Amino acid sequence: MAMMLILPGLAILLAPAIWLILGRPRILPIGEVMPPVDNQGKEQSEKPISSISIIIPARNEQYNIANLLKSINQQSLLPAEVIVVDDHSSDDTASIATSLGARVLSSETLPSGWMGKPWACQQGAKSARSGNWLLFIDADLTLEPEALASLQLLANTNRGVHSVCPYHQTKQLYEQLSAFFNVLMLAGVNAFGSRKATTDQSALFGQCMLISDEHYQQVNGHFTVKDKTLENFHLAKELHRLKIPCSCYLGKESINMRMFPSGLHQLWQSWKKGFSGAAAHTSGNALLLSSLWITSMMLTIVCLVLILSMQCSPLFASMTTAVYLIHALQCLIVFKLAGQFSLFNAILFPVSLLFYQVLFFSSLIDRKRGKTTNWKGREIS
């Protein structure tokens, strides 16, 4: 029986690993915009315009694109231009984007050797005319009114490339199952660790990335990552090679996303298409610490099963209860960094964790077998 105490003891020992990779989160600072004034010093009514060209790759996004473009039109600091690259959509994406003031660029045929998103981004960047900064954002995002001002503030005060992980807005119960995927996505970029020295080679978030036109040309644009599913990881590596710094922020209160409004199948397919592959590109430090934290929680679940299936000592039960509460509190904190996840999701963390494990290993098995995932009519390995 004494040997059993090793399980909850080890779980307690490994639990702090999460703070070594998410112990220094940075929220996107809120930018303020001074109203424009005329020659007499009086405020003018029109909104100031930033030096940012927004580029939105969009494929069958009719249920998302309107919300994004409306939020862009309500910014306190307007973009220099908004370009929607219509990636051969079979729905009303293009017409909706046009009606809301975006310049719609019909994507050319996908060349051999290119993935859809890099190709759309490359065309949008080439077409940009007004801004000297390029903001690539996914179509399922929405921006709070000060978001663009915040990004312009970064552009004005910090050298390098900036990326933001949007805050995951959830509405349906099944969307709560994304909790561990979102948290481990934050951990995987290796940008928020407690030791700065370990985060100097951080990756980028692909949903929202701000890069100067100069740096974009220097890195040879998306041509560098033309055949990559996880283009953000590979682009960050090339930027680091050129000694261009990358910085990451959390989008809470500034930039939001609604990832899976269409149901559980959409959630499953979306995470499955790239999450196991992301592990191969995650830094060794972030991968190790994430694995230790997940292991700690899995050990806790094993201890719970033992308590329910056999007679255990009071000490074993007390240690298991303690580590369970530790993990529930950890989940409550880190889930709130990533998105709109509920208190009950944190308390019942084994449900979301087991879902994560099943999907993750299913994706690994499919990759080993060479099986592809169909995403928006395209096969993705």
Protein backbone atom coordinates (compact mmCIF):
# COMPACT_ATOMS: atom_id res chain seq x y z
CA MET A 1 0.00 0.00 0.00
CA ALA A 2 2.89 2.37 0.74
CA MET A 3 4.03 2.01 -2.87
CA MET A 4 0.69 3.45 -4.00
CA LEU A 5 1.56 6.75 -2.35
CA ILE A 6 4.16 7.25 -5.07
CA LEU A 7 1.37 7.98 -7.60
CA PRO A 8 -0.22 11.03 -5.89
CA GLY A 9 3.22 12.07 -4.64
CA LEU A 10 4.59 12.16 -8.16
CA ALA A 11 1.50 13.99 -9.38
CA ILE A 12 2.04 16.69 -6.75
CA LEU A 13 5.73 16.93 -7.65
CA LEU A 14 5.02 17.42 -11.37
CA ALA A 15 2.08 19.80 -11.02
CA PRO A 16 4.14 23.06 -11.00
CA ALA A 17 5.51 22.33 -14.50
CA ILE A 18 2.72 24.42 -16.04
CA TRP A 19 4.04 27.59 -14.42
CA LEU A 20 7.46 27.09 -15.98
CA ILE A 21 5.88 27.52 -19.43
CA LEU A 22 2.91 29.81 -18.67
CA GLY A 23 4.14 31.66 -15.61
CA ARG A 24 4.79 34.94 -17.44
CA PRO A 25 1.76 35.61 -19.66
CA ARG A 26 1.62 38.91 -21.56
CA ILE A 27 -1.75 40.40 -22.48
CA LEU A 28 -1.87 42.68 -25.52
CA PRO A 29 -1.58 46.22 -24.08
CA ILE A 30 -4.57 48.44 -24.76
CA GLY A 31 -3.64 51.25 -27.15
CA GLU A 32 -5.17 54.70 -27.05
CA VAL A 33 -5.79 56.88 -30.09
CA MET A 34 -5.61 60.64 -29.95
CA PRO A 35 -8.45 62.22 -31.98
CA PRO A 36 -7.29 64.11 -35.10
CA VAL A 37 -7.20 67.89 -34.83
CA ASP A 38 -7.35 70.65 -37.43
CA ASN A 39 -4.98 73.60 -37.76
CA GLN A 40 -6.85 75.50 -35.04
CA GLY A 41 -6.42 72.65 -32.57
CA LYS A 42 -10.07 71.57 -32.74
CA GLU A 43 -10.95 67.88 -32.79
CA GLN A 44 -12.16 66.55 -36.12
CA SER A 45 -14.94 64.00 -36.49
CA GLU A 46 -13.23 61.51 -38.80
CA LYS A 47 -11.31 58.61 -37.33
CA PRO A 48 -7.50 58.43 -37.65
CA ILE A 49 -6.08 55.85 -40.03
CA SER A 50 -3.27 53.46 -39.17
CA SER A 51 -0.39 52.35 -41.37
CA ILE A 52 -1.62 48.74 -41.23
CA SER A 53 -2.94 46.77 -44.20
CA ILE A 54 -5.21 43.95 -43.00
CA ILE A 55 -5.07 40.73 -45.00
CA ILE A 56 -7.73 38.06 -44.41
CA PRO A 57 -7.42 34.66 -46.12
CA ALA A 58 -10.96 33.33 -46.42
CA ARG A 59 -12.33 30.04 -47.72
CA ASN A 60 -16.05 29.42 -47.17
CA GLU A 61 -16.27 31.90 -44.30
CA GLN A 62 -19.72 33.37 -44.88
CA TYR A 63 -20.71 32.72 -41.25
CA ASN A 64 -17.63 34.49 -39.86
CA ILE A 65 -16.50 37.19 -42.25
CA ALA A 66 -19.32 39.64 -41.52
CA ASN A 67 -18.59 39.70 -37.78
CA LEU A 68 -14.90 40.32 -38.41
CA LEU A 69 -15.39 43.09 -40.95
CA LYS A 70 -18.02 44.84 -38.83
CA SER A 71 -15.59 44.83 -35.91
CA ILE A 72 -12.86 46.27 -38.16
CA ASN A 73 -15.20 49.03 -39.32
CA GLN A 74 -15.83 49.97 -35.67
CA GLN A 75 -12.15 50.41 -34.76
CA SER A 76 -11.06 53.63 -33.07
CA LEU A 77 -8.06 53.53 -35.41
CA LEU A 78 -9.02 52.43 -38.90
CA PRO A 79 -6.72 50.28 -41.06
CA ALA A 80 -5.07 51.68 -44.17
CA GLU A 81 -6.92 49.01 -46.17
CA VAL A 82 -8.72 45.69 -45.74
CA ILE A 83 -8.02 42.91 -48.24
CA VAL A 84 -10.04 39.69 -48.22
CA VAL A 85 -8.43 36.96 -50.31
CA ASP A 86 -11.30 34.75 -51.42
CA ASP A 87 -9.76 31.28 -51.62
CA HIS A 88 -12.19 29.72 -54.12
CA SER A 89 -15.14 29.88 -51.74
CA SER A 90 -18.32 28.11 -52.77
CA ASP A 91 -20.51 30.27 -50.51
CA ASP A 92 -21.23 34.01 -50.17
CA THR A 93 -17.91 34.97 -48.57
CA ALA A 94 -16.89 37.32 -51.40
CA SER A 95 -20.20 39.16 -51.72
CA ILE A 96 -20.51 39.67 -47.97
CA ALA A 97 -16.95 41.01 -47.76
CA THR A 98 -17.57 43.41 -50.65
CA SER A 99 -20.78 44.71 -49.09
CA LEU A 100 -18.89 45.56 -45.89
CA GLY A 101 -16.23 47.61 -47.61
CA ALA A 102 -13.35 45.17 -48.00
CA ARG A 103 -11.35 44.90 -51.20
CA VAL A 104 -11.92 41.31 -52.33
CA LEU A 105 -9.14 39.57 -54.21
CA SER A 106 -10.09 36.36 -55.99
CA SER A 107 -7.34 33.83 -55.40
CA GLU A 108 -5.49 32.44 -58.37
CA THR A 109 -5.36 28.67 -58.85
CA LEU A 110 -3.38 26.98 -56.10
CA PRO A 111 0.09 26.28 -57.52
CA SER A 112 1.74 22.91 -57.10
CA GLY A 113 3.64 22.72 -53.82
CA TRP A 114 1.60 25.40 -52.03
CA MET A 115 -0.86 25.07 -49.14
CA GLY A 116 -4.02 27.14 -49.33
CA LYS A 117 -3.48 29.60 -46.51
CA PRO A 118 0.14 30.57 -47.33
CA TRP A 119 -0.86 31.06 -50.97
CA ALA A 120 -3.78 33.31 -50.01
CA CYS A 121 -1.57 35.33 -47.63
CA GLN A 122 1.14 35.71 -50.26
CA GLN A 123 -1.34 37.10 -52.79
CA GLY A 124 -2.85 39.47 -50.24
CA ALA A 125 0.55 40.83 -49.25
CA LYS A 126 1.52 41.36 -52.89
CA SER A 127 -1.72 43.26 -53.47
CA ALA A 128 -1.35 45.54 -50.41
CA ARG A 129 -0.79 49.16 -51.41
CA SER A 130 -1.45 51.50 -48.48
CA GLY A 131 0.12 50.21 -45.27
CA ASN A 132 3.74 49.65 -44.35
CA TRP A 133 2.70 46.98 -41.85
CA LEU A 134 0.86 43.79 -42.78
CA LEU A 135 -1.66 42.27 -40.38
CA PHE A 136 -2.63 38.70 -41.28
CA ILE A 137 -5.77 37.63 -39.43
CA ASP A 138 -8.06 34.63 -39.68
CA ALA A 139 -11.67 35.13 -40.69
CA ASP A 140 -13.11 33.69 -37.47
CA LEU A 141 -11.72 36.55 -35.36
CA THR A 142 -13.39 39.72 -34.09
CA LEU A 143 -11.60 42.82 -32.82
CA GLU A 144 -12.55 44.97 -29.85
CA PRO A 145 -12.68 48.70 -30.74
CA GLU A 146 -9.14 49.46 -29.47
CA ALA A 147 -7.46 46.34 -30.90
CA LEU A 148 -5.96 47.95 -33.99
CA ALA A 149 -4.70 50.89 -31.92
CA SER A 150 -3.00 48.38 -29.63
CA LEU A 151 -1.31 46.69 -32.58
CA GLN A 152 -0.24 50.02 -34.04
CA LEU A 153 1.28 50.89 -30.66
CA LEU A 154 3.33 47.70 -30.83
CA ALA A 155 4.45 48.56 -34.36
CA ASN A 156 5.52 52.04 -33.25
CA THR A 157 7.38 51.04 -30.10
CA ASN A 158 8.74 47.51 -30.57
CA ARG A 159 10.97 46.22 -33.32
CA GLY A 160 10.19 42.85 -34.82
CA VAL A 161 7.20 40.67 -35.58
CA HIS A 162 4.21 40.49 -33.25
CA SER A 163 1.55 37.81 -32.94
CA VAL A 164 -1.53 37.50 -30.76
CA CYS A 165 -3.42 34.43 -29.63
CA PRO A 166 -7.12 35.37 -29.80
CA TYR A 167 -9.32 34.80 -26.78
CA HIS A 168 -11.55 31.80 -27.48
CA GLN A 169 -15.20 32.75 -27.10
CA THR A 170 -17.36 29.69 -26.42
CA LYS A 171 -21.16 29.50 -26.55
CA GLN A 172 -22.09 25.81 -26.76
CA LEU A 173 -21.25 23.10 -24.24
CA TYR A 174 -19.16 21.01 -26.69
CA GLU A 175 -16.85 24.00 -27.25
CA GLN A 176 -15.60 23.59 -23.69
CA LEU A 177 -13.74 20.50 -24.91
CA SER A 178 -11.19 22.78 -26.59
CA ALA A 179 -9.75 23.90 -23.26
CA PHE A 180 -6.56 21.81 -23.20
CA PHE A 181 -5.91 22.36 -26.90
CA ASN A 182 -6.03 26.12 -26.38
CA VAL A 183 -3.84 26.03 -23.27
CA LEU A 184 -1.25 23.77 -24.88
CA MET A 185 -1.25 26.01 -27.95
CA LEU A 186 -0.21 28.86 -25.63
CA ALA A 187 2.44 26.66 -24.07
CA GLY A 188 3.67 25.39 -27.43
CA VAL A 189 4.87 28.75 -28.73
CA ASN A 190 7.30 28.86 -25.78
CA ALA A 191 6.79 32.59 -25.26
CA PHE A 192 5.40 32.83 -21.72
CA GLY A 193 7.84 30.83 -19.62
CA SER A 194 9.04 31.99 -16.22
CA ARG A 195 12.65 32.09 -17.50
CA LYS A 196 13.08 34.60 -20.31
CA ALA A 197 16.22 32.87 -21.57
CA THR A 198 14.14 29.86 -22.60
CA THR A 199 11.66 31.94 -24.63
CA ASP A 200 13.99 33.91 -26.91
CA GLN A 201 13.29 31.47 -29.76
CA SER A 202 9.50 31.61 -29.42
CA ALA A 203 7.18 30.65 -32.27
CA LEU A 204 4.31 32.78 -33.59
CA PHE A 205 0.54 32.50 -33.42
CA GLY A 206 -0.86 31.98 -36.90
CA GLN A 207 -4.30 33.52 -36.29
CA CYS A 208 -3.07 37.10 -35.88
CA MET A 209 0.38 38.23 -37.02
CA LEU A 210 1.71 41.75 -37.52
CA ILE A 211 4.86 42.15 -39.60
CA SER A 212 6.42 45.15 -41.32
CA ASP A 213 6.55 45.10 -45.10
CA GLU A 214 10.34 45.37 -44.81
CA HIS A 215 10.63 42.24 -42.68
CA TYR A 216 8.10 40.42 -44.83
CA GLN A 217 10.22 41.02 -47.91
CA GLN A 218 13.37 40.12 -45.99
CA VAL A 219 11.95 36.72 -45.03
CA ASN A 220 10.71 36.18 -48.62
CA GLY A 221 7.10 36.28 -47.52
CA HIS A 222 4.97 33.16 -47.31
CA PHE A 223 7.01 31.59 -50.10
CA THR A 224 9.32 30.44 -47.31
CA VAL A 225 6.50 28.37 -45.78
CA LYS A 226 4.47 27.66 -48.91
CA ASP A 227 4.07 23.92 -48.25
CA LYS A 228 3.61 24.05 -44.46
CA THR A 229 0.37 23.32 -42.62
CA LEU A 230 1.68 25.04 -39.48
CA GLU A 231 3.19 27.98 -41.29
CA ASN A 232 3.50 30.04 -38.09
CA PHE A 233 6.09 27.69 -36.56
CA HIS A 234 8.21 27.54 -39.70
CA LEU A 235 8.00 31.27 -40.37
CA ALA A 236 9.19 31.99 -36.82
CA LYS A 237 12.23 29.75 -37.34
CA GLU A 238 13.18 31.65 -40.48
CA LEU A 239 12.72 35.01 -38.74
CA HIS A 240 14.96 33.89 -35.88
CA ARG A 241 17.55 32.74 -38.40
CA LEU A 242 17.57 36.29 -39.78
CA LYS A 243 17.77 37.65 -36.21
CA ILE A 244 14.37 39.32 -36.46
CA PRO A 245 12.75 39.16 -33.00
CA CYS A 246 9.31 37.61 -32.51
CA SER A 247 6.95 38.47 -29.67
CA CYS A 248 3.68 36.87 -28.59
CA TYR A 249 0.71 38.23 -26.65
CA LEU A 250 -2.63 37.03 -25.36
CA GLY A 251 -5.67 38.66 -26.92
CA LYS A 252 -7.94 38.72 -23.87
CA GLU A 253 -10.11 41.88 -23.96
CA SER A 254 -8.77 42.85 -27.41
CA ILE A 255 -8.97 40.06 -30.01
CA ASN A 256 -11.47 37.20 -29.92
CA MET A 257 -12.21 34.10 -31.96
CA ARG A 258 -15.18 31.78 -32.30
CA MET A 259 -13.64 28.61 -33.62
CA PHE A 260 -16.30 25.92 -33.92
CA PRO A 261 -19.85 27.24 -34.29
CA SER A 262 -20.85 24.35 -36.58
CA GLY A 263 -20.61 21.51 -34.08
CA LEU A 264 -18.44 18.84 -32.50
CA HIS A 265 -17.37 17.38 -35.85
CA GLN A 266 -15.88 20.73 -36.90
CA LEU A 267 -14.03 20.95 -33.57
CA TRP A 268 -12.65 17.42 -33.96
CA GLN A 269 -11.50 17.91 -37.55
CA SER A 270 -9.94 21.29 -36.91
CA TRP A 271 -7.79 20.25 -33.96
CA LYS A 272 -6.96 16.96 -35.60
CA LYS A 273 -5.58 18.54 -38.79
CA GLY A 274 -2.57 20.05 -37.10
CA PHE A 275 -2.24 19.52 -33.39
CA SER A 276 -0.16 16.35 -33.38
CA GLY A 277 2.08 17.87 -36.05
CA ALA A 278 2.59 20.92 -33.85
CA ALA A 279 4.30 18.74 -31.25
CA ALA A 280 7.08 17.99 -33.74
CA HIS A 281 7.85 21.72 -34.05
CA THR A 282 7.44 22.68 -30.40
CA SER A 283 10.65 23.49 -28.53
CA GLY A 284 12.03 20.69 -26.39
CA ASN A 285 11.62 22.77 -23.25
CA ALA A 286 7.93 23.52 -23.85
CA LEU A 287 7.18 19.97 -24.98
CA LEU A 288 8.84 18.44 -21.92
CA LEU A 289 7.12 20.71 -19.41
CA SER A 290 3.73 20.34 -21.10
CA SER A 291 4.13 16.55 -21.05
CA LEU A 292 5.05 16.59 -17.36
CA TRP A 293 1.95 18.61 -16.54
CA ILE A 294 -0.32 16.34 -18.55
CA THR A 295 1.32 13.32 -16.92
CA SER A 296 0.64 14.80 -13.49
CA MET A 297 -3.07 15.11 -14.28
CA MET A 298 -3.27 11.64 -15.78
CA LEU A 299 -1.70 10.22 -12.60
CA THR A 300 -4.36 12.05 -10.63
CA ILE A 301 -7.08 10.43 -12.71
CA VAL A 302 -5.50 7.00 -12.12
CA CYS A 303 -5.55 7.71 -8.38
CA LEU A 304 -9.23 8.59 -8.55
CA VAL A 305 -9.98 5.33 -10.33
CA LEU A 306 -8.09 3.42 -7.63
CA ILE A 307 -10.08 5.13 -4.88
CA LEU A 308 -13.35 4.20 -6.60
CA SER A 309 -12.34 0.62 -7.39
CA MET A 310 -10.55 -0.52 -4.22
CA GLN A 311 -10.05 0.25 -0.58
CA CYS A 312 -7.29 2.85 -0.15
CA SER A 313 -5.68 4.39 2.89
CA PRO A 314 -6.89 7.75 4.22
CA LEU A 315 -3.45 9.23 3.40
CA PHE A 316 -3.73 8.11 -0.24
CA ALA A 317 -7.22 9.59 -0.46
CA SER A 318 -6.07 12.86 1.13
CA MET A 319 -3.09 13.20 -1.21
CA THR A 320 -5.28 12.46 -4.21
CA THR A 321 -7.85 15.03 -3.12
CA ALA A 322 -5.11 17.61 -2.63
CA VAL A 323 -3.54 17.14 -6.04
CA TYR A 324 -6.97 17.09 -7.70
CA LEU A 325 -7.80 20.46 -6.17
CA ILE A 326 -4.38 21.79 -7.20
CA HIS A 327 -5.04 20.80 -10.80
CA ALA A 328 -8.58 22.16 -10.76
CA LEU A 329 -7.24 25.53 -9.59
CA GLN A 330 -4.47 25.46 -12.19
CA CYS A 331 -6.98 24.70 -14.92
CA LEU A 332 -9.24 27.52 -13.77
CA ILE A 333 -6.36 30.00 -14.08
CA VAL A 334 -4.84 28.83 -17.38
CA PHE A 335 -8.21 28.15 -19.02
CA LYS A 336 -9.12 31.80 -18.35
CA LEU A 337 -5.92 32.92 -20.07
CA ALA A 338 -6.92 31.02 -23.20
CA GLY A 339 -10.65 31.54 -23.46
CA GLN A 340 -14.15 31.68 -22.08
CA PHE A 341 -14.01 28.36 -20.26
CA SER A 342 -16.25 27.70 -17.30
CA LEU A 343 -15.55 26.96 -13.66
CA PHE A 344 -17.20 23.56 -14.10
CA ASN A 345 -14.81 22.73 -16.93
CA ALA A 346 -11.91 23.32 -14.54
CA ILE A 347 -13.50 21.31 -11.74
CA LEU A 348 -14.29 18.45 -14.13
CA PHE A 349 -10.95 18.73 -15.97
CA PRO A 350 -10.64 14.92 -16.49
CA VAL A 351 -13.43 15.12 -19.11
CA SER A 352 -11.66 17.68 -21.31
CA LEU A 353 -8.28 16.06 -20.68
CA LEU A 354 -9.41 12.59 -21.75
CA PHE A 355 -11.01 14.10 -24.87
CA TYR A 356 -7.71 15.80 -25.66
CA GLN A 357 -5.79 12.55 -25.20
CA VAL A 358 -8.14 10.55 -27.43
CA LEU A 359 -8.02 13.12 -30.23
CA PHE A 360 -4.27 13.66 -29.94
CA PHE A 361 -3.41 9.96 -30.17
CA SER A 362 -5.97 9.44 -32.93
CA SER A 363 -4.19 12.18 -34.90
CA LEU A 364 -0.79 10.59 -34.23
CA ILE A 365 -2.02 7.22 -35.48
CA ASP A 366 -3.45 8.79 -38.63
CA ARG A 367 -0.15 10.56 -39.30
CA LYS A 368 1.76 7.29 -38.91
CA ARG A 369 -0.58 5.65 -41.40
CA GLY A 370 -0.28 8.56 -43.83
CA LYS A 371 -3.99 9.30 -43.50
CA THR A 372 -5.10 12.83 -44.38
CA THR A 373 -7.77 15.07 -42.87
CA ASN A 374 -10.33 16.78 -45.08
CA TRP A 375 -10.59 20.47 -44.18
CA LYS A 376 -12.82 22.77 -46.24
CA GLY A 377 -12.62 20.49 -49.25
CA ARG A 378 -8.83 20.00 -49.19
CA GLU A 379 -6.84 17.07 -47.95
CA ILE A 380 -4.31 18.02 -45.24
CA SER A 381 -1.72 15.57 -43.95
